[in-house]
Amino acid sequence: MFHLQHLGVKCSNNTGDMNVQPAKLEVDGEPIFLKRRAIPYGQRDVVLQALEKMERDGIITRVTSSTWAMPIVIAIKSDGKTASLW
């Protein structure tokens, strides 16, 4: 059972939590595993900082392996120092 309140909503500089009722999601599809995309060398530090912040905030959890995997999509903001990851 997944709880929707663990999903962060990015509406400001902090993620915050949503106050919603728990929901049960049934996953009955086949696992999908897509290879990772190469991160350009000049963007690696920015992306690593964004991933570390998401891990600290409890949005993502580090795993060693998984049957499900999707590459991240990186959007570097105009300041060149802030990354949004999806």
Protein backbone atom coordinates (compact mmCIF):
# COMPACT_ATOMS: atom_id res chain seq x y z
CA MET A 1 0.00 0.00 0.00
CA PHE A 2 1.37 3.38 -0.97
CA HIS A 3 0.42 6.49 0.95
CA LEU A 4 -0.13 9.57 -1.16
CA GLN A 5 1.08 11.80 1.64
CA HIS A 6 4.62 10.53 0.95
CA LEU A 7 4.53 12.08 -2.51
CA GLY A 8 6.04 15.56 -2.42
CA VAL A 9 4.38 18.40 -4.26
CA LYS A 10 6.72 21.08 -5.48
CA CYS A 11 4.82 24.35 -5.13
CA SER A 12 7.56 26.40 -3.51
CA ASN A 13 11.19 26.03 -2.46
CA ASN A 14 10.26 23.36 0.08
CA THR A 15 8.39 20.20 -0.81
CA GLY A 16 6.01 19.93 2.12
CA ASP A 17 3.58 17.06 2.52
CA MET A 18 0.02 16.62 1.39
CA ASN A 19 -2.69 15.83 3.92
CA VAL A 20 -4.74 13.21 2.07
CA GLN A 21 -6.40 9.92 2.91
CA PRO A 22 -4.30 6.78 2.30
CA ALA A 23 -4.92 5.07 -1.04
CA LYS A 24 -4.18 1.54 -2.15
CA LEU A 25 -2.58 1.23 -5.60
CA GLU A 26 -2.62 -2.14 -7.31
CA VAL A 27 0.29 -2.75 -9.66
CA ASP A 28 -0.47 -5.57 -12.04
CA GLY A 29 1.70 -4.66 -15.03
CA GLU A 30 5.00 -6.13 -16.11
CA PRO A 31 8.12 -4.36 -14.75
CA ILE A 32 9.67 -1.87 -17.16
CA PHE A 33 13.41 -1.25 -17.10
CA LEU A 34 14.88 1.44 -19.36
CA LYS A 35 18.59 2.18 -19.50
CA ARG A 36 19.87 5.38 -17.95
CA ARG A 37 20.74 8.38 -20.06
CA ALA A 38 24.22 9.83 -19.91
CA ILE A 39 24.41 13.05 -17.88
CA PRO A 40 26.62 15.69 -19.51
CA TYR A 41 29.80 16.19 -17.48
CA GLY A 42 29.07 19.89 -16.91
CA GLN A 43 25.68 19.08 -15.33
CA ARG A 44 26.73 16.21 -13.04
CA ASP A 45 27.36 18.32 -9.92
CA VAL A 46 24.02 20.13 -10.27
CA VAL A 47 22.14 16.85 -10.81
CA LEU A 48 23.89 15.11 -7.90
CA GLN A 49 23.03 18.04 -5.60
CA ALA A 50 19.37 17.87 -6.68
CA LEU A 51 19.27 14.09 -6.09
CA GLU A 52 20.91 14.43 -2.66
CA LYS A 53 18.37 17.11 -1.67
CA MET A 54 15.47 14.91 -2.80
CA GLU A 55 16.90 12.02 -0.76
CA ARG A 56 17.34 14.23 2.35
CA ASP A 57 13.76 15.50 1.98
CA GLY A 58 12.44 11.94 1.81
CA ILE A 59 11.12 12.25 -1.74
CA ILE A 60 13.34 9.47 -3.10
CA THR A 61 15.11 6.52 -1.50
CA ARG A 62 18.45 5.11 -2.60
CA VAL A 63 18.27 1.50 -3.85
CA THR A 64 20.95 -0.88 -5.12
CA SER A 65 18.79 -2.65 -7.71
CA SER A 66 15.21 -2.72 -8.99
CA THR A 67 13.12 -4.45 -11.64
CA TRP A 68 11.51 -1.08 -12.41
CA ALA A 69 13.67 1.77 -13.78
CA MET A 70 13.12 4.93 -15.81
CA PRO A 71 15.70 7.52 -16.79
CA ILE A 72 15.42 10.91 -15.13
CA VAL A 73 14.60 14.00 -17.15
CA ILE A 74 16.80 16.98 -16.29
CA ALA A 75 15.77 20.60 -16.71
CA ILE A 76 18.55 23.05 -15.78
CA LYS A 77 17.16 26.47 -14.90
CA SER A 78 18.54 29.63 -16.49
CA ASP A 79 20.86 30.27 -13.53
CA GLY A 80 22.72 27.07 -14.48
CA LYS A 81 22.92 26.01 -10.83
CA THR A 82 19.44 24.61 -10.19
CA ALA A 83 18.10 21.37 -11.63
CA SER A 84 14.55 20.10 -11.75
CA LEU A 85 14.31 16.33 -12.04
CA TRP A 86 11.39 14.20 -13.17
